[in-house]
Structures are given as C-alpha cells and as structure tokens.
Amino acid sequence: MSVKQISVFIENKKGALAEVTKFMAEHDINLKALSIADTQDFGILRVITDKPERARDVLRDAGYTAVATSVLAVAIEDKPGSMAAVLSVLNNADVMVEYTYAFMSSAPGKAYMIFRVDNNDKATKALLENDIKITVLE
C-alpha cells in the first residue's frame, strides 16, 4: 500500500522552486505534499502528486532529473505522541526510517506522515498489525 513520491533535483538558486512548481501546475499536476532538502548547490524536492507517473515523465522531458520512489503515507491523530507511536512500531519491527515529512489533512484532527523506509512490506505489515492506517492519498 505504498504511494509514489517524485524526487526532483533542482539548483539551489533563487526562483528554482517557483519554476518547477509552476511547471507542474502548467501540466495540470496537483501537489498533495512536498518536502525539500538542500545543500549549497542543489536541492531535492520530494513531492506527492495526483499524477506521479505523469509528473516524473514531464519533468524528465523538460530536462529535470526526476525519479519515482515508493513511500508510505500514514494517517495519524493530530496530537502529541502520534508520530512517536508510529516510529516505535517501525523500530520494534526492525524497520529503518530513511526520512519522513508531514502534512496536514483536510479531515479535522488528522495529519499524514510520509515515510521512506528500508522495507515497505515489513513496515506495512507492522503498522497494520498495530491498527495504524496506511492511506493512498486519494
């Protein structure tokens, strides 16, 4: 039950983020979640979109380096300790979290966490066994 995340390498310069997000909008690609990590020279923009394959393809066609990665989207309660509970389940299942980021849900009291882990199947099994909902972000 993973979702596709698109990672896009962009230059770390003024206007680069605006340019790539405008480009996706012009191709009718809706951003559902995003995270950006940067170094002095470049950034990695990670996005969850409504059309991941299309996003990857149009970005590549435009000269961007873009790759698709399977990640888990986990629905959590928007309250203290929710993330810690999920991380505890993953740790107890011997699943390594490579990175994570969060975004709010339109549903009151809910938030979503995106997790890139070393084993999606193992993580999915452990989360479901602990009544933690994994979503497809429709």
N, C-alpha and C. Protein backbone atom coordinates (compact mmCIF):
# COMPACT_ATOMS: atom_id res chain seq x y z
N MET A 1 0.82 -1.19 0.00
CA MET A 1 0.00 0.00 0.00
C MET A 1 0.87 1.26 0.00
N SER A 2 1.82 1.28 -0.87
CA SER A 2 2.69 2.45 -0.92
C SER A 2 2.15 3.46 -1.92
N VAL A 3 2.68 4.67 -1.84
CA VAL A 3 2.37 5.73 -2.80
C VAL A 3 3.66 6.11 -3.49
N LYS A 4 3.54 6.69 -4.67
CA LYS A 4 4.71 7.11 -5.43
C LYS A 4 5.06 8.55 -5.08
N GLN A 5 6.30 8.74 -4.74
CA GLN A 5 6.84 10.07 -4.49
C GLN A 5 7.79 10.39 -5.64
N ILE A 6 7.77 11.60 -6.10
CA ILE A 6 8.68 12.04 -7.15
C ILE A 6 9.74 12.91 -6.50
N SER A 7 11.00 12.56 -6.71
CA SER A 7 12.12 13.36 -6.24
C SER A 7 12.71 14.07 -7.45
N VAL A 8 12.86 15.38 -7.32
CA VAL A 8 13.35 16.21 -8.41
C VAL A 8 14.59 16.97 -7.91
N PHE A 9 15.67 16.86 -8.66
CA PHE A 9 16.89 17.59 -8.32
C PHE A 9 16.82 18.96 -8.98
N ILE A 10 16.94 19.99 -8.15
CA ILE A 10 16.89 21.36 -8.66
C ILE A 10 18.08 22.15 -8.13
N GLU A 11 18.48 23.14 -8.90
CA GLU A 11 19.56 24.01 -8.46
C GLU A 11 19.11 24.80 -7.24
N ASN A 12 20.04 25.03 -6.33
CA ASN A 12 19.74 25.84 -5.16
C ASN A 12 20.00 27.30 -5.53
N LYS A 13 19.04 27.88 -6.24
CA LYS A 13 19.15 29.27 -6.66
C LYS A 13 17.77 29.92 -6.62
N LYS A 14 17.77 31.22 -6.55
CA LYS A 14 16.53 31.98 -6.48
C LYS A 14 15.62 31.62 -7.66
N GLY A 15 14.37 31.31 -7.34
CA GLY A 15 13.36 31.06 -8.36
C GLY A 15 13.26 29.62 -8.84
N ALA A 16 14.20 28.76 -8.48
CA ALA A 16 14.18 27.37 -8.98
C ALA A 16 12.96 26.61 -8.49
N LEU A 17 12.61 26.76 -7.22
CA LEU A 17 11.44 26.07 -6.68
C LEU A 17 10.17 26.61 -7.31
N ALA A 18 10.08 27.91 -7.47
CA ALA A 18 8.92 28.51 -8.13
C ALA A 18 8.78 27.99 -9.56
N GLU A 19 9.90 27.88 -10.24
CA GLU A 19 9.89 27.42 -11.63
C GLU A 19 9.35 25.99 -11.77
N VAL A 20 9.86 25.09 -10.94
CA VAL A 20 9.45 23.68 -11.08
C VAL A 20 8.00 23.48 -10.63
N THR A 21 7.56 24.19 -9.59
CA THR A 21 6.16 24.03 -9.17
C THR A 21 5.21 24.65 -10.19
N LYS A 22 5.60 25.76 -10.79
CA LYS A 22 4.79 26.37 -11.86
C LYS A 22 4.72 25.43 -13.06
N PHE A 23 5.83 24.81 -13.38
CA PHE A 23 5.87 23.86 -14.50
C PHE A 23 4.88 22.71 -14.27
N MET A 24 4.87 22.18 -13.06
CA MET A 24 3.93 21.08 -12.77
C MET A 24 2.49 21.59 -12.84
N ALA A 25 2.22 22.77 -12.35
CA ALA A 25 0.87 23.34 -12.43
C ALA A 25 0.43 23.51 -13.88
N GLU A 26 1.34 23.95 -14.73
CA GLU A 26 1.03 24.12 -16.15
C GLU A 26 0.71 22.80 -16.83
N HIS A 27 1.17 21.70 -16.24
CA HIS A 27 0.88 20.37 -16.77
C HIS A 27 -0.24 19.68 -15.97
N ASP A 28 -1.03 20.48 -15.24
CA ASP A 28 -2.19 20.01 -14.50
C ASP A 28 -1.84 18.92 -13.48
N ILE A 29 -0.72 19.12 -12.80
CA ILE A 29 -0.27 18.18 -11.76
C ILE A 29 -0.45 18.88 -10.42
N ASN A 30 -1.28 18.28 -9.57
CA ASN A 30 -1.59 18.85 -8.26
C ASN A 30 -0.64 18.30 -7.21
N LEU A 31 -0.04 19.19 -6.45
CA LEU A 31 0.86 18.79 -5.36
C LEU A 31 0.03 18.52 -4.10
N LYS A 32 0.19 17.33 -3.56
CA LYS A 32 -0.53 16.97 -2.34
C LYS A 32 0.35 17.13 -1.10
N ALA A 33 1.65 16.93 -1.27
CA ALA A 33 2.61 17.09 -0.17
C ALA A 33 3.97 17.34 -0.78
N LEU A 34 4.82 18.04 -0.02
CA LEU A 34 6.17 18.24 -0.51
C LEU A 34 7.14 18.46 0.64
N SER A 35 8.37 18.18 0.33
CA SER A 35 9.48 18.42 1.25
C SER A 35 10.67 18.80 0.39
N ILE A 36 11.52 19.64 0.91
CA ILE A 36 12.73 19.98 0.17
C ILE A 36 13.91 19.94 1.14
N ALA A 37 14.98 19.32 0.67
CA ALA A 37 16.24 19.29 1.41
C ALA A 37 17.27 19.91 0.49
N ASP A 38 18.14 20.72 1.07
CA ASP A 38 19.09 21.40 0.19
C ASP A 38 20.51 21.30 0.70
N THR A 39 21.41 21.51 -0.24
CA THR A 39 22.82 21.70 0.05
C THR A 39 23.15 23.07 -0.53
N GLN A 40 24.40 23.41 -0.53
CA GLN A 40 24.78 24.72 -1.04
C GLN A 40 24.48 24.86 -2.53
N ASP A 41 24.59 23.77 -3.30
CA ASP A 41 24.46 23.84 -4.75
C ASP A 41 23.14 23.34 -5.32
N PHE A 42 22.49 22.40 -4.66
CA PHE A 42 21.27 21.84 -5.21
C PHE A 42 20.30 21.45 -4.11
N GLY A 43 19.07 21.17 -4.52
CA GLY A 43 18.05 20.71 -3.60
C GLY A 43 17.37 19.47 -4.14
N ILE A 44 16.80 18.70 -3.24
CA ILE A 44 15.98 17.56 -3.63
C ILE A 44 14.56 17.89 -3.21
N LEU A 45 13.72 18.11 -4.20
CA LEU A 45 12.31 18.37 -3.97
C LEU A 45 11.59 17.04 -4.02
N ARG A 46 10.93 16.69 -2.93
CA ARG A 46 10.16 15.44 -2.87
C ARG A 46 8.69 15.82 -2.86
N VAL A 47 7.92 15.27 -3.81
CA VAL A 47 6.51 15.62 -3.90
C VAL A 47 5.64 14.37 -4.03
N ILE A 48 4.47 14.48 -3.45
CA ILE A 48 3.39 13.52 -3.67
C ILE A 48 2.40 14.28 -4.54
N THR A 49 2.03 13.70 -5.67
CA THR A 49 1.13 14.37 -6.60
C THR A 49 -0.06 13.47 -6.92
N ASP A 50 -1.03 14.07 -7.59
CA ASP A 50 -2.18 13.30 -8.03
C ASP A 50 -1.86 12.46 -9.27
N LYS A 51 -0.76 12.75 -9.95
CA LYS A 51 -0.36 12.04 -11.18
C LYS A 51 1.15 11.79 -11.16
N PRO A 52 1.61 10.85 -10.32
CA PRO A 52 3.06 10.70 -10.16
C PRO A 52 3.81 10.29 -11.43
N GLU A 53 3.27 9.36 -12.20
CA GLU A 53 3.97 8.94 -13.41
C GLU A 53 4.06 10.07 -14.42
N ARG A 54 2.96 10.80 -14.58
CA ARG A 54 2.96 11.95 -15.49
C ARG A 54 3.94 13.02 -15.01
N ALA A 55 3.97 13.27 -13.72
CA ALA A 55 4.90 14.26 -13.17
C ALA A 55 6.33 13.87 -13.48
N ARG A 56 6.68 12.62 -13.21
CA ARG A 56 8.04 12.15 -13.49
C ARG A 56 8.37 12.31 -14.96
N ASP A 57 7.46 11.90 -15.83
CA ASP A 57 7.72 11.92 -17.27
C ASP A 57 7.86 13.34 -17.82
N VAL A 58 6.95 14.25 -17.44
CA VAL A 58 7.06 15.61 -17.99
C VAL A 58 8.27 16.34 -17.43
N LEU A 59 8.61 16.06 -16.19
CA LEU A 59 9.80 16.67 -15.61
C LEU A 59 11.06 16.18 -16.33
N ARG A 60 11.13 14.89 -16.57
CA ARG A 60 12.28 14.34 -17.30
C ARG A 60 12.35 14.92 -18.71
N ASP A 61 11.21 14.98 -19.37
CA ASP A 61 11.18 15.53 -20.74
C ASP A 61 11.66 16.98 -20.77
N ALA A 62 11.48 17.69 -19.68
CA ALA A 62 11.90 19.09 -19.60
C ALA A 62 13.36 19.24 -19.15
N GLY A 63 14.03 18.12 -18.92
CA GLY A 63 15.44 18.16 -18.56
C GLY A 63 15.75 18.05 -17.08
N TYR A 64 14.73 17.90 -16.27
CA TYR A 64 14.96 17.70 -14.83
C TYR A 64 15.35 16.25 -14.57
N THR A 65 16.14 16.04 -13.53
CA THR A 65 16.40 14.69 -13.05
C THR A 65 15.28 14.39 -12.07
N ALA A 66 14.43 13.44 -12.41
CA ALA A 66 13.27 13.10 -11.58
C ALA A 66 13.15 11.59 -11.47
N VAL A 67 12.96 11.10 -10.25
CA VAL A 67 12.83 9.67 -10.02
C VAL A 67 11.61 9.40 -9.15
N ALA A 68 11.01 8.24 -9.37
CA ALA A 68 9.86 7.81 -8.57
C ALA A 68 10.34 6.84 -7.49
N THR A 69 9.81 7.00 -6.30
CA THR A 69 10.16 6.16 -5.17
C THR A 69 8.88 5.76 -4.45
N SER A 70 8.84 4.53 -3.98
CA SER A 70 7.69 4.09 -3.17
C SER A 70 7.90 4.51 -1.73
N VAL A 71 6.89 5.20 -1.17
CA VAL A 71 6.91 5.62 0.23
C VAL A 71 5.58 5.23 0.85
N LEU A 72 5.52 5.30 2.16
CA LEU A 72 4.28 5.00 2.88
C LEU A 72 3.66 6.30 3.37
N ALA A 73 2.36 6.42 3.20
CA ALA A 73 1.60 7.55 3.73
C ALA A 73 0.77 7.01 4.89
N VAL A 74 1.03 7.53 6.07
CA VAL A 74 0.40 7.02 7.28
C VAL A 74 -0.50 8.10 7.87
N ALA A 75 -1.74 7.75 8.12
CA ALA A 75 -2.68 8.67 8.76
C ALA A 75 -2.49 8.57 10.27
N ILE A 76 -2.31 9.72 10.90
CA ILE A 76 -2.13 9.74 12.35
C ILE A 76 -3.06 10.78 12.98
N GLU A 77 -3.28 10.62 14.28
CA GLU A 77 -4.03 11.63 15.01
C GLU A 77 -3.16 12.87 15.14
N ASP A 78 -3.75 14.02 15.01
CA ASP A 78 -3.04 15.28 15.15
C ASP A 78 -2.97 15.64 16.62
N LYS A 79 -2.10 14.93 17.35
CA LYS A 79 -1.95 15.15 18.78
C LYS A 79 -0.55 14.70 19.21
N PRO A 80 -0.08 15.18 20.34
CA PRO A 80 1.24 14.80 20.81
C PRO A 80 1.37 13.28 20.97
N GLY A 81 2.50 12.76 20.50
CA GLY A 81 2.80 11.34 20.66
C GLY A 81 2.44 10.46 19.49
N SER A 82 1.65 10.98 18.54
CA SER A 82 1.23 10.13 17.41
C SER A 82 2.41 9.69 16.56
N MET A 83 3.31 10.60 16.25
CA MET A 83 4.47 10.22 15.45
C MET A 83 5.37 9.27 16.23
N ALA A 84 5.55 9.53 17.50
CA ALA A 84 6.38 8.65 18.32
C ALA A 84 5.83 7.23 18.34
N ALA A 85 4.52 7.08 18.35
CA ALA A 85 3.90 5.75 18.35
C ALA A 85 4.21 5.01 17.05
N VAL A 86 4.11 5.71 15.92
CA VAL A 86 4.40 5.08 14.63
C VAL A 86 5.88 4.69 14.57
N LEU A 87 6.75 5.59 14.99
CA LEU A 87 8.19 5.30 14.97
C LEU A 87 8.54 4.14 15.88
N SER A 88 7.86 4.03 16.99
CA SER A 88 8.08 2.90 17.91
C SER A 88 7.71 1.58 17.25
N VAL A 89 6.57 1.56 16.56
CA VAL A 89 6.15 0.34 15.86
C VAL A 89 7.18 -0.05 14.81
N LEU A 90 7.64 0.92 14.04
CA LEU A 90 8.64 0.63 13.00
C LEU A 90 9.96 0.16 13.61
N ASN A 91 10.37 0.80 14.68
CA ASN A 91 11.60 0.39 15.36
C ASN A 91 11.49 -1.03 15.90
N ASN A 92 10.36 -1.35 16.52
CA ASN A 92 10.15 -2.69 17.07
C ASN A 92 10.11 -3.75 15.98
N ALA A 93 9.74 -3.35 14.76
CA ALA A 93 9.71 -4.28 13.62
C ALA A 93 11.06 -4.31 12.89
N ASP A 94 12.04 -3.62 13.42
CA ASP A 94 13.38 -3.56 12.84
C ASP A 94 13.36 -2.94 11.44
N VAL A 95 12.56 -1.89 11.29
CA VAL A 95 12.46 -1.14 10.04
C VAL A 95 13.20 0.18 10.24
N MET A 96 14.11 0.47 9.31
CA MET A 96 14.84 1.73 9.39
C MET A 96 14.11 2.81 8.61
N VAL A 97 13.91 3.96 9.24
CA VAL A 97 13.30 5.11 8.58
C VAL A 97 14.43 5.94 7.97
N GLU A 98 14.40 6.08 6.65
CA GLU A 98 15.42 6.84 5.95
C GLU A 98 15.12 8.34 6.03
N TYR A 99 13.86 8.71 5.87
CA TYR A 99 13.43 10.09 6.08
C TYR A 99 11.92 10.11 6.19
N THR A 100 11.41 11.23 6.68
CA THR A 100 9.97 11.39 6.85
C THR A 100 9.63 12.88 6.75
N TYR A 101 8.41 13.16 6.39
CA TYR A 101 7.88 14.52 6.44
C TYR A 101 6.38 14.44 6.64
N ALA A 102 5.82 15.55 7.10
CA ALA A 102 4.40 15.56 7.46
C ALA A 102 3.64 16.59 6.66
N PHE A 103 2.33 16.40 6.60
CA PHE A 103 1.43 17.41 6.06
C PHE A 103 0.06 17.21 6.69
N MET A 104 -0.68 18.29 6.73
CA MET A 104 -2.00 18.27 7.36
C MET A 104 -3.04 17.67 6.43
N SER A 105 -4.04 17.12 7.02
CA SER A 105 -5.18 16.57 6.31
C SER A 105 -6.31 17.58 6.34
N SER A 106 -7.22 17.47 5.40
CA SER A 106 -8.41 18.31 5.45
C SER A 106 -9.42 17.76 6.46
N ALA A 107 -9.20 16.52 6.91
CA ALA A 107 -10.08 15.93 7.93
C ALA A 107 -9.67 16.46 9.30
N PRO A 108 -10.61 16.97 10.06
CA PRO A 108 -10.29 17.52 11.39
C PRO A 108 -9.61 16.48 12.28
N GLY A 109 -8.53 16.90 12.93
CA GLY A 109 -7.85 16.03 13.88
C GLY A 109 -6.93 15.00 13.27
N LYS A 110 -6.70 15.07 11.97
CA LYS A 110 -5.84 14.10 11.30
C LYS A 110 -4.66 14.80 10.64
N ALA A 111 -3.59 14.08 10.52
CA ALA A 111 -2.41 14.53 9.78
C ALA A 111 -1.87 13.31 9.05
N TYR A 112 -0.97 13.54 8.13
CA TYR A 112 -0.34 12.44 7.41
C TYR A 112 1.16 12.56 7.52
N MET A 113 1.80 11.42 7.62
CA MET A 113 3.25 11.34 7.61
C MET A 113 3.65 10.52 6.39
N ILE A 114 4.66 10.99 5.70
CA ILE A 114 5.25 10.22 4.61
C ILE A 114 6.52 9.59 5.16
N PHE A 115 6.67 8.29 4.98
CA PHE A 115 7.84 7.57 5.46
C PHE A 115 8.54 6.87 4.30
N ARG A 116 9.82 7.11 4.17
CA ARG A 116 10.68 6.32 3.28
C ARG A 116 11.43 5.38 4.22
N VAL A 117 11.20 4.10 4.04
CA VAL A 117 11.78 3.08 4.92
C VAL A 117 12.59 2.08 4.09
N ASP A 118 13.36 1.27 4.78
CA ASP A 118 14.20 0.29 4.08
C ASP A 118 13.43 -0.95 3.64
N ASN A 119 12.21 -1.13 4.12
CA ASN A 119 11.43 -2.31 3.74
C ASN A 119 9.93 -1.97 3.85
N ASN A 120 9.32 -1.60 2.72
CA ASN A 120 7.91 -1.21 2.72
C ASN A 120 6.99 -2.33 3.18
N ASP A 121 7.25 -3.55 2.74
CA ASP A 121 6.38 -4.67 3.10
C ASP A 121 6.40 -4.94 4.60
N LYS A 122 7.58 -4.97 5.16
CA LYS A 122 7.73 -5.21 6.60
C LYS A 122 7.09 -4.08 7.40
N ALA A 123 7.29 -2.85 6.96
CA ALA A 123 6.70 -1.70 7.64
C ALA A 123 5.18 -1.73 7.56
N THR A 124 4.66 -2.01 6.37
CA THR A 124 3.21 -2.08 6.18
C THR A 124 2.60 -3.12 7.11
N LYS A 125 3.19 -4.30 7.15
CA LYS A 125 2.69 -5.38 8.00
C LYS A 125 2.67 -4.94 9.47
N ALA A 126 3.77 -4.36 9.94
CA ALA A 126 3.86 -3.95 11.34
C ALA A 126 2.84 -2.85 11.67
N LEU A 127 2.70 -1.89 10.78
CA LEU A 127 1.76 -0.80 11.03
C LEU A 127 0.32 -1.31 11.07
N LEU A 128 -0.05 -2.13 10.10
CA LEU A 128 -1.42 -2.66 10.06
C LEU A 128 -1.72 -3.54 11.28
N GLU A 129 -0.73 -4.32 11.71
CA GLU A 129 -0.91 -5.16 12.90
C GLU A 129 -1.12 -4.32 14.15
N ASN A 130 -0.71 -3.06 14.11
CA ASN A 130 -0.87 -2.16 15.25
C ASN A 130 -1.97 -1.13 15.01
N ASP A 131 -2.87 -1.45 14.09
CA ASP A 131 -4.03 -0.60 13.78
C ASP A 131 -3.66 0.82 13.38
N ILE A 132 -2.56 0.96 12.66
CA ILE A 132 -2.13 2.26 12.14
C ILE A 132 -2.48 2.26 10.65
N LYS A 133 -3.27 3.23 10.26
CA LYS A 133 -3.81 3.27 8.90
C LYS A 133 -2.79 3.78 7.88
N ILE A 134 -2.64 3.03 6.82
CA ILE A 134 -1.82 3.46 5.68
C ILE A 134 -2.80 3.86 4.60
N THR A 135 -2.55 4.98 3.97
CA THR A 135 -3.50 5.54 3.01
C THR A 135 -2.88 5.66 1.63
N VAL A 136 -3.71 5.84 0.63
CA VAL A 136 -3.25 6.04 -0.74
C VAL A 136 -3.36 7.50 -1.17
N LEU A 137 -3.80 8.38 -0.28
CA LEU A 137 -3.89 9.83 -0.56
C LEU A 137 -4.70 10.16 -1.79
N GLU A 138 -5.91 9.68 -1.84
CA GLU A 138 -6.78 9.97 -2.98
C GLU A 138 -7.27 11.39 -2.96
